[in-house]
Protein backbone atom coordinates (compact mmCIF):
# COMPACT_ATOMS: atom_id res chain seq x y z
CA MET A 1 59.69 23.82 8.39
CA ALA A 2 56.85 24.82 5.86
CA LEU A 3 56.83 21.17 4.61
CA MET A 4 56.23 19.92 8.14
CA LEU A 5 53.38 22.45 8.88
CA ALA A 6 51.90 21.58 5.43
CA ARG A 7 51.77 17.86 6.50
CA ARG A 8 50.29 18.54 9.66
CA ALA A 9 47.68 20.67 8.33
CA ALA A 10 46.89 17.97 5.73
CA LYS A 11 46.51 15.35 8.50
CA VAL A 12 44.12 17.46 10.40
CA ALA A 13 42.22 18.32 7.30
CA LEU A 14 41.98 14.37 6.43
CA TYR A 15 40.84 13.69 10.05
CA MET A 16 38.16 16.37 9.84
CA ALA A 17 36.95 15.17 6.42
CA ILE A 18 36.81 11.61 7.79
CA SER A 19 34.84 12.83 10.88
CA LEU A 20 32.40 14.68 8.74
CA LEU A 21 31.77 11.70 6.68
CA THR A 22 31.37 9.49 9.50
CA GLY A 23 28.91 11.81 11.22
CA ARG A 24 26.77 12.15 7.97
CA ILE A 25 26.85 8.43 7.31
CA LEU A 26 25.79 7.40 10.79
CA GLY A 27 23.14 10.01 10.95
CA SER A 28 21.09 10.90 13.95
CA PRO A 29 21.76 8.94 17.33
CA GLU A 30 18.06 8.45 17.68
CA GLU A 31 17.93 6.28 14.79
CA TRP A 32 21.08 3.85 15.60
CA LEU A 33 20.73 3.90 19.42
CA SER A 34 17.86 2.41 21.30
CA HIS A 35 15.76 4.49 23.58
CA GLY A 36 16.03 1.93 26.27
CA CYS A 37 19.79 1.80 26.17
CA VAL A 38 19.90 5.63 26.60
CA SER A 39 17.34 5.57 29.34
CA ARG A 40 19.29 2.99 31.33
CA LEU A 41 22.49 4.90 30.88
CA GLY A 42 20.81 8.04 31.98
CA HIS A 43 19.58 6.46 35.17
CA ILE A 44 23.10 5.26 35.99
CA ILE A 45 24.63 8.61 35.27
CA TYR A 46 21.94 10.90 36.51
CA GLY A 47 20.11 8.74 39.05
CA PRO A 48 16.41 7.42 38.92
CA GLY A 49 13.90 10.17 38.38
CA GLU A 50 16.41 12.76 37.62
CA ILE A 51 16.70 12.40 33.96
CA GLY A 52 14.66 14.97 32.08
CA ALA A 53 14.29 15.83 28.41
CA ASP A 54 17.26 18.11 28.31
CA ASN A 55 19.52 15.66 30.08
CA PHE A 56 18.31 12.85 27.73
CA TYR A 57 18.95 14.64 24.41
CA ASP A 58 22.37 15.69 25.92
CA LEU A 59 23.07 12.14 26.55
CA TYR A 60 22.22 11.39 22.85
CA PHE A 61 24.72 14.13 21.82
CA TYR A 62 27.51 12.91 24.07
CA ILE A 63 27.21 9.28 22.93
CA SER A 64 27.02 10.44 19.38
CA VAL A 65 30.32 12.61 19.61
CA ILE A 66 32.08 9.74 21.48
CA THR A 67 31.07 7.27 18.83
CA ILE A 68 31.97 9.55 15.93
CA PHE A 69 35.53 10.39 17.15
CA THR A 70 36.03 6.68 18.06
CA VAL A 71 35.25 5.46 14.40
CA THR A 72 37.01 8.41 12.80
CA THR A 73 40.22 7.61 14.99
CA PHE A 74 39.89 3.95 13.79
CA ILE A 75 39.36 4.86 10.12
CA TYR A 76 42.25 7.42 10.26
CA ILE A 77 44.70 4.94 11.71
CA LEU A 78 43.93 2.40 9.22
CA LEU A 79 43.99 4.76 6.35
CA THR A 80 47.36 6.34 7.33
CA ASN A 81 48.98 2.79 7.71
CA ALA A 82 47.62 1.89 4.25
CA ILE A 83 48.98 4.82 2.86
CA SER A 84 52.42 4.36 4.50
CA LYS A 85 52.54 0.81 3.20
CA ILE A 86 51.70 1.69 -0.30
CA ARG A 87 54.40 4.55 -0.26
CA LYS A 88 57.00 2.09 0.83
CA SER A 89 56.21 -0.48 -1.77
């Protein structure tokens, strides 16, 4: 039971570490996401004329979180598959 709990805690810690590294490497979403793309997406979600500065920066945040967790999940799956293949051989 304790071994299973320790493995789960290690997996969570690994995912969090990968997430933190991914977020630091990607940096601010204003740097890697174009202003026009976010503006168009804001018009789709909030409607024309309804996107203000608060909604605009909220949208940057949501896009950043979704991107970071998608990339983190992809890296985590690749890493765990590689570790399991190394352990089997």
